[in-house]
Amino acid sequence: MDKVFLVAVGIGILSRIIMLNTDQRQYPAQPNILLSQLVLAFVASSLGALLVPALRDRAYTSITFLSLAAEQFRQVRENRRDSLQNLEDIQLVKRGEAFIEEIARTYEIRNYMCIITSLSTIGLYYLIIEELKIAKNTSLMISSIIGLALTLILKKLLKRESIGDIADVEIVKISFVDECIMKVGDLKGITNIGLKSDRERYLSRGIGIEIIPKDKDYTNAGILFDSGQRQTIVYNLYSRLGLYREHDEPAFVPLPRRNPKKESLIIAFIPMEKDEQKIIEAVKSCPVLASAKGKNLSLENYKIGKKGSV
């Protein structure tokens, strides 16, 4: 019991560590958040590993611990949401409510992954011993391998799309027409920049970004035009490359705008380091929000720039 319990808990924690790699890339976190997630992974894995032996001993009341765990993990989700919302006012670029909810939901779901993998590992161990009559060490090895395989399967299932999966990203020129009207690519009227010094900063340090839906697909375009998704893209740029502005400089707040000619998204951004390749990678790595999907399902058989169904 002790050996298989430790193995099951270890696999549960390992599953969370594997997913932490994704979390760190998409949601930059502090060291204390990392520690709290590992502690929660241990708790969740322990609950999953204890459930099967308890049920074998006919301790059916142990199921109530799962409901308590679910309630606790929902509380973790709420606490994470509240923490991020409290930080919004001090951000140069806000995450937005949609992105905050996506992060909070992810923190909750990943804990359930620990329960599933540890429970499956120890459950398979007893199943193999009792049904196939295989030696304990061999059964432990087989169940551990299956548990690790389940971890990789869950990782693949839980992996979300990124902007790079649904759109192409291009760098376009920033210019000004009629003296102070910003033009990015072939879209003018982005905003009005009155001060000459502000216009010079855009021209010298700014980078124009155009995000074009792949396959001329309206479904992909609908994701880009979701207000929460737009804010997430801008925040992802800010979190990775910084933003060359102060709180009292509203002229440099990134404003995503729709280009009706291509149904693309246009952004003028001033990073701390003007590196076009890093800009493209930052946009492509931005996660696609669950709340942004399914907005244009009625147009899924239509292509941008073409009339009628395809």
Protein backbone atom coordinates (compact mmCIF):
# COMPACT_ATOMS: atom_id res chain seq x y z
CA MET A 1 0.00 0.00 0.00
CA ASP A 2 2.71 2.52 0.99
CA LYS A 3 4.75 2.03 -2.16
CA VAL A 4 1.84 2.23 -4.59
CA PHE A 5 0.42 5.22 -2.70
CA LEU A 6 3.69 7.13 -3.05
CA VAL A 7 3.97 6.22 -6.72
CA ALA A 8 0.40 7.34 -7.41
CA VAL A 9 0.96 10.63 -5.58
CA GLY A 10 4.22 11.12 -7.46
CA ILE A 11 2.55 10.63 -10.83
CA GLY A 12 -0.22 13.04 -9.85
CA ILE A 13 2.31 15.72 -8.91
CA LEU A 14 4.32 15.01 -12.06
CA SER A 15 1.21 15.59 -14.17
CA ARG A 16 0.84 19.04 -12.60
CA ILE A 17 4.52 19.84 -13.12
CA ILE A 18 4.18 18.96 -16.80
CA MET A 19 1.25 21.36 -17.11
CA LEU A 20 3.09 24.06 -15.15
CA ASN A 21 5.40 24.44 -18.14
CA THR A 22 2.41 25.54 -20.18
CA ASP A 23 1.13 27.79 -17.39
CA GLN A 24 4.45 29.61 -17.06
CA ARG A 25 4.58 30.26 -20.79
CA GLN A 26 1.02 31.56 -21.10
CA TYR A 27 0.42 33.08 -17.69
CA PRO A 28 3.60 34.59 -16.21
CA ALA A 29 3.52 33.77 -12.50
CA GLN A 30 5.43 34.58 -9.34
CA PRO A 31 7.47 31.99 -7.37
CA ASN A 32 4.88 31.89 -4.58
CA ILE A 33 2.19 30.93 -7.10
CA LEU A 34 4.44 28.10 -8.28
CA LEU A 35 4.82 26.81 -4.72
CA SER A 36 1.10 27.01 -4.02
CA GLN A 37 0.33 25.02 -7.15
CA LEU A 38 2.76 22.26 -6.15
CA VAL A 39 1.21 22.06 -2.68
CA LEU A 40 -2.28 21.85 -4.17
CA ALA A 41 -1.03 19.18 -6.57
CA PHE A 42 0.17 17.12 -3.59
CA VAL A 43 -3.19 17.48 -1.83
CA ALA A 44 -5.16 16.58 -4.96
CA SER A 45 -2.91 13.62 -5.77
CA SER A 46 -3.15 12.31 -2.20
CA LEU A 47 -6.94 12.46 -2.30
CA GLY A 48 -7.02 10.52 -5.56
CA ALA A 49 -4.56 7.91 -4.27
CA LEU A 50 -6.46 7.39 -1.00
CA LEU A 51 -9.87 6.95 -2.59
CA VAL A 52 -9.38 3.49 -4.12
CA PRO A 53 -7.98 1.80 -0.97
CA ALA A 54 -10.77 3.39 1.08
CA LEU A 55 -13.43 2.06 -1.27
CA ARG A 56 -11.83 -1.41 -1.21
CA ASP A 57 -12.25 -1.33 2.57
CA ARG A 58 -15.92 -0.34 2.03
CA ALA A 59 -15.38 3.11 3.53
CA TYR A 60 -17.92 4.68 1.18
CA THR A 61 -18.06 7.89 3.16
CA SER A 62 -14.59 8.65 1.74
CA ILE A 63 -16.35 9.85 -1.41
CA THR A 64 -17.40 12.93 0.55
CA PHE A 65 -13.74 13.99 0.57
CA LEU A 66 -13.96 14.46 -3.19
CA SER A 67 -16.83 16.89 -2.80
CA LEU A 68 -14.83 18.77 -0.17
CA ALA A 69 -11.84 18.83 -2.52
CA ALA A 70 -13.98 20.12 -5.37
CA GLU A 71 -15.28 22.90 -3.13
CA GLN A 72 -11.74 23.76 -2.06
CA PHE A 73 -10.52 23.92 -5.65
CA ARG A 74 -13.45 26.16 -6.58
CA GLN A 75 -12.35 28.43 -3.77
CA VAL A 76 -8.83 28.42 -5.21
CA ARG A 77 -10.33 29.52 -8.51
CA GLU A 78 -12.20 32.38 -6.84
CA ASN A 79 -9.13 33.48 -4.88
CA ARG A 80 -7.00 33.51 -8.02
CA ARG A 81 -9.65 35.51 -9.84
CA ASP A 82 -9.89 38.05 -7.00
CA SER A 83 -6.10 38.41 -6.79
CA LEU A 84 -5.76 39.15 -10.50
CA GLN A 85 -8.69 41.57 -10.49
CA ASN A 86 -7.15 43.47 -7.57
CA LEU A 87 -3.99 43.97 -9.64
CA GLU A 88 -5.79 45.33 -12.71
CA ASP A 89 -5.65 48.98 -11.71
CA ILE A 90 -1.84 49.01 -11.48
CA GLN A 91 -1.26 47.33 -14.86
CA LEU A 92 -0.03 49.44 -17.76
CA VAL A 93 -2.04 47.06 -19.94
CA LYS A 94 -4.97 45.26 -18.33
CA ARG A 95 -5.56 41.55 -18.66
CA GLY A 96 -9.31 41.97 -19.03
CA GLU A 97 -12.08 40.01 -17.31
CA ALA A 98 -12.20 37.27 -19.95
CA PHE A 99 -8.49 36.43 -19.59
CA ILE A 100 -8.69 36.52 -15.79
CA GLU A 101 -11.60 34.07 -15.82
CA GLU A 102 -9.69 31.79 -18.21
CA ILE A 103 -6.66 31.75 -15.89
CA ALA A 104 -8.78 31.06 -12.80
CA ARG A 105 -10.63 28.23 -14.54
CA THR A 106 -7.35 26.70 -15.67
CA TYR A 107 -5.96 26.67 -12.12
CA GLU A 108 -9.03 24.75 -10.96
CA ILE A 109 -9.08 22.20 -13.79
CA ARG A 110 -5.38 21.32 -13.47
CA ASN A 111 -5.97 20.17 -9.87
CA TYR A 112 -8.61 17.72 -11.07
CA MET A 113 -6.01 16.35 -13.46
CA CYS A 114 -3.87 15.36 -10.43
CA ILE A 115 -6.80 13.50 -8.88
CA ILE A 116 -7.55 11.62 -12.09
CA THR A 117 -3.99 10.49 -12.75
CA SER A 118 -3.25 9.36 -9.18
CA LEU A 119 -6.63 7.62 -8.84
CA SER A 120 -6.18 5.86 -12.18
CA THR A 121 -2.67 4.70 -11.31
CA ILE A 122 -3.60 3.11 -7.99
CA GLY A 123 -6.91 1.79 -9.33
CA LEU A 124 -5.16 0.00 -12.20
CA TYR A 125 -2.64 -1.42 -9.74
CA TYR A 126 -5.32 -3.21 -7.74
CA LEU A 127 -7.23 -4.20 -10.86
CA ILE A 128 -4.16 -5.85 -12.40
CA ILE A 129 -3.31 -7.71 -9.17
CA GLU A 130 -6.82 -8.98 -8.49
CA GLU A 131 -8.01 -9.73 -12.01
CA LEU A 132 -4.81 -10.72 -13.85
CA LYS A 133 -3.00 -12.19 -10.84
CA ILE A 134 0.27 -10.46 -11.74
CA ALA A 135 3.03 -9.89 -9.17
CA LYS A 136 2.92 -6.65 -7.18
CA ASN A 137 6.13 -5.13 -8.56
CA THR A 138 5.13 -5.90 -12.14
CA SER A 139 1.63 -4.54 -11.52
CA LEU A 140 3.11 -1.36 -10.06
CA MET A 141 5.33 -0.91 -13.09
CA ILE A 142 2.46 -1.44 -15.54
CA SER A 143 0.08 0.89 -13.67
CA SER A 144 2.81 3.55 -13.43
CA ILE A 145 3.43 3.43 -17.18
CA ILE A 146 -0.30 3.67 -17.89
CA GLY A 147 -0.57 6.56 -15.40
CA LEU A 148 2.20 8.45 -17.17
CA ALA A 149 0.58 7.75 -20.54
CA LEU A 150 -2.70 9.10 -19.16
CA THR A 151 -0.86 12.24 -18.06
CA LEU A 152 0.39 12.85 -21.59
CA ILE A 153 -3.06 12.17 -23.03
CA LEU A 154 -4.69 14.65 -20.64
CA LYS A 155 -2.03 17.22 -21.46
CA LYS A 156 -2.87 16.91 -25.13
CA LEU A 157 -6.61 17.08 -24.46
CA LEU A 158 -6.27 20.13 -22.22
CA LYS A 159 -3.92 21.96 -24.56
CA ARG A 160 -5.65 25.05 -25.88
CA GLU A 161 -5.18 26.64 -29.26
CA SER A 162 -3.00 29.70 -29.64
CA ILE A 163 -3.29 32.64 -32.00
CA GLY A 164 -0.59 31.05 -34.17
CA ASP A 165 -3.00 28.16 -34.87
CA ILE A 166 -5.76 30.37 -36.25
CA ALA A 167 -3.97 33.39 -37.72
CA ASP A 168 -0.87 34.63 -39.49
CA VAL A 169 1.06 37.56 -38.01
CA GLU A 170 2.78 40.22 -40.11
CA ILE A 171 4.74 43.37 -39.29
CA VAL A 172 3.36 46.45 -41.05
CA LYS A 173 4.39 50.09 -41.25
CA ILE A 174 3.21 52.83 -38.88
CA SER A 175 2.68 56.23 -40.46
CA PHE A 176 0.58 59.38 -40.03
CA VAL A 177 -1.77 61.05 -42.51
CA ASP A 178 -3.31 64.49 -42.26
CA GLU A 179 -0.44 65.24 -39.87
CA CYS A 180 -1.81 63.46 -36.76
CA ILE A 181 -4.08 60.56 -37.87
CA MET A 182 -2.34 57.23 -37.30
CA LYS A 183 -2.19 54.72 -40.14
CA VAL A 184 -1.05 51.13 -39.57
CA GLY A 185 -0.58 49.08 -42.71
CA ASP A 186 -3.42 50.06 -45.03
CA LEU A 187 -5.81 51.01 -42.22
CA LYS A 188 -5.94 54.65 -41.24
CA GLY A 189 -7.87 56.30 -38.45
CA ILE A 190 -6.49 54.10 -35.67
CA THR A 191 -6.30 57.09 -33.34
CA ASN A 192 -5.46 60.79 -33.27
CA ILE A 193 -1.98 61.61 -31.91
CA GLY A 194 -1.80 65.34 -31.29
CA LEU A 195 1.69 65.83 -29.90
CA LYS A 196 4.60 65.76 -32.32
CA SER A 197 6.84 64.07 -29.72
CA ASP A 198 4.31 61.24 -29.36
CA ARG A 199 4.16 60.75 -33.13
CA GLU A 200 7.95 60.64 -33.28
CA ARG A 201 8.02 57.93 -30.61
CA TYR A 202 5.61 55.80 -32.62
CA LEU A 203 7.67 56.29 -35.78
CA SER A 204 11.03 55.55 -34.12
CA ARG A 205 10.12 52.83 -31.59
CA GLY A 206 6.67 51.56 -32.57
CA ILE A 207 5.83 48.37 -34.46
CA GLY A 208 2.68 47.83 -36.49
CA ILE A 209 1.13 44.36 -36.21
CA GLU A 210 -1.46 42.79 -38.47
CA ILE A 211 -3.11 39.51 -37.39
CA ILE A 212 -4.76 37.84 -40.40
CA PRO A 213 -7.23 34.92 -40.00
CA LYS A 214 -5.93 31.72 -41.59
CA ASP A 215 -7.74 30.20 -44.57
CA LYS A 216 -9.87 33.37 -44.84
CA ASP A 217 -12.08 31.77 -42.21
CA TYR A 218 -14.83 33.83 -40.55
CA THR A 219 -14.71 31.57 -37.49
CA ASN A 220 -11.07 32.51 -36.94
CA ALA A 221 -11.90 36.15 -37.59
CA GLY A 222 -14.68 35.98 -35.01
CA ILE A 223 -12.19 34.85 -32.37
CA LEU A 224 -9.90 37.79 -33.16
CA PHE A 225 -12.75 40.29 -32.93
CA ASP A 226 -13.91 39.13 -29.51
CA SER A 227 -13.19 42.01 -27.11
CA GLY A 228 -11.75 39.70 -24.45
CA GLN A 229 -9.46 38.01 -26.99
CA ARG A 230 -8.22 41.36 -28.27
CA GLN A 231 -7.31 42.47 -24.76
CA THR A 232 -5.58 39.14 -24.12
CA ILE A 233 -3.40 39.58 -27.21
CA VAL A 234 -2.38 43.07 -26.16
CA TYR A 235 -1.63 41.93 -22.60
CA ASN A 236 0.41 39.00 -23.90
CA LEU A 237 2.55 41.46 -25.88
CA TYR A 238 2.99 43.66 -22.82
CA SER A 239 3.86 40.79 -20.45
CA ARG A 240 6.61 39.50 -22.73
CA LEU A 241 8.06 42.63 -24.30
CA GLY A 242 7.07 45.45 -21.97
CA LEU A 243 5.49 48.73 -23.05
CA TYR A 244 7.38 51.99 -23.50
CA ARG A 245 4.95 54.31 -21.69
CA GLU A 246 3.96 55.69 -18.31
CA HIS A 247 0.55 55.66 -16.63
CA ASP A 248 -0.09 59.27 -17.59
CA GLU A 249 0.58 58.70 -21.33
CA PRO A 250 -2.75 57.53 -22.80
CA ALA A 251 -1.50 58.10 -26.36
CA PHE A 252 0.57 54.92 -26.13
CA VAL A 253 -2.14 52.53 -24.93
CA PRO A 254 -2.35 49.75 -27.58
CA LEU A 255 -5.70 49.89 -29.40
CA PRO A 256 -6.58 46.80 -31.49
CA ARG A 257 -8.62 47.78 -34.52
CA ARG A 258 -10.47 45.77 -37.18
CA ASN A 259 -9.40 46.04 -40.80
CA PRO A 260 -12.61 45.36 -42.76
CA LYS A 261 -10.71 44.72 -46.02
CA LYS A 262 -9.05 41.55 -44.72
CA GLU A 263 -11.10 41.03 -41.53
CA SER A 264 -7.75 41.25 -39.78
CA LEU A 265 -6.72 42.82 -36.49
CA ILE A 266 -4.38 45.84 -36.46
CA ILE A 267 -2.29 46.90 -33.45
CA ALA A 268 0.24 49.70 -32.97
CA PHE A 269 2.59 48.73 -30.15
CA ILE A 270 5.70 50.29 -28.60
CA PRO A 271 7.80 47.53 -26.98
CA MET A 272 10.78 48.12 -24.72
CA GLU A 273 12.90 46.29 -27.30
CA LYS A 274 12.09 46.70 -30.97
CA ASP A 275 12.49 43.09 -32.08
CA GLU A 276 10.09 42.07 -34.84
CA GLN A 277 10.64 38.33 -34.44
CA LYS A 278 9.90 38.46 -30.71
CA ILE A 279 6.77 40.49 -31.42
CA ILE A 280 5.50 37.85 -33.84
CA GLU A 281 6.27 35.02 -31.40
CA ALA A 282 4.51 36.84 -28.55
CA VAL A 283 1.34 37.28 -30.60
CA LYS A 284 1.35 33.70 -31.86
CA SER A 285 1.84 32.29 -28.34
CA CYS A 286 -1.23 34.06 -26.99
CA PRO A 287 -3.86 31.49 -25.93
CA VAL A 288 -7.26 31.41 -27.60
CA LEU A 289 -9.91 32.01 -24.93
CA ALA A 290 -12.78 29.55 -24.58
CA SER A 291 -15.16 32.51 -24.31
CA ALA A 292 -14.01 33.80 -27.73
CA LYS A 293 -14.95 30.64 -29.64
CA GLY A 294 -18.22 29.96 -31.39
CA LYS A 295 -19.11 33.58 -32.10
CA ASN A 296 -19.50 33.13 -35.88
CA LEU A 297 -20.72 29.55 -36.25
CA SER A 298 -23.40 30.67 -38.72
CA LEU A 299 -20.60 31.83 -41.07
CA GLU A 300 -18.41 28.74 -40.84
CA ASN A 301 -19.17 27.81 -44.48
CA TYR A 302 -18.26 31.25 -45.79
CA LYS A 303 -14.88 32.65 -46.73
CA ILE A 304 -13.66 36.20 -46.25
CA GLY A 305 -13.92 38.15 -49.49
CA LYS A 306 -16.20 35.60 -51.19
CA LYS A 307 -19.96 35.62 -51.58
CA GLY A 308 -22.05 32.55 -50.93
CA SER A 309 -21.12 29.30 -49.27
CA VAL A 310 -18.06 27.27 -50.17
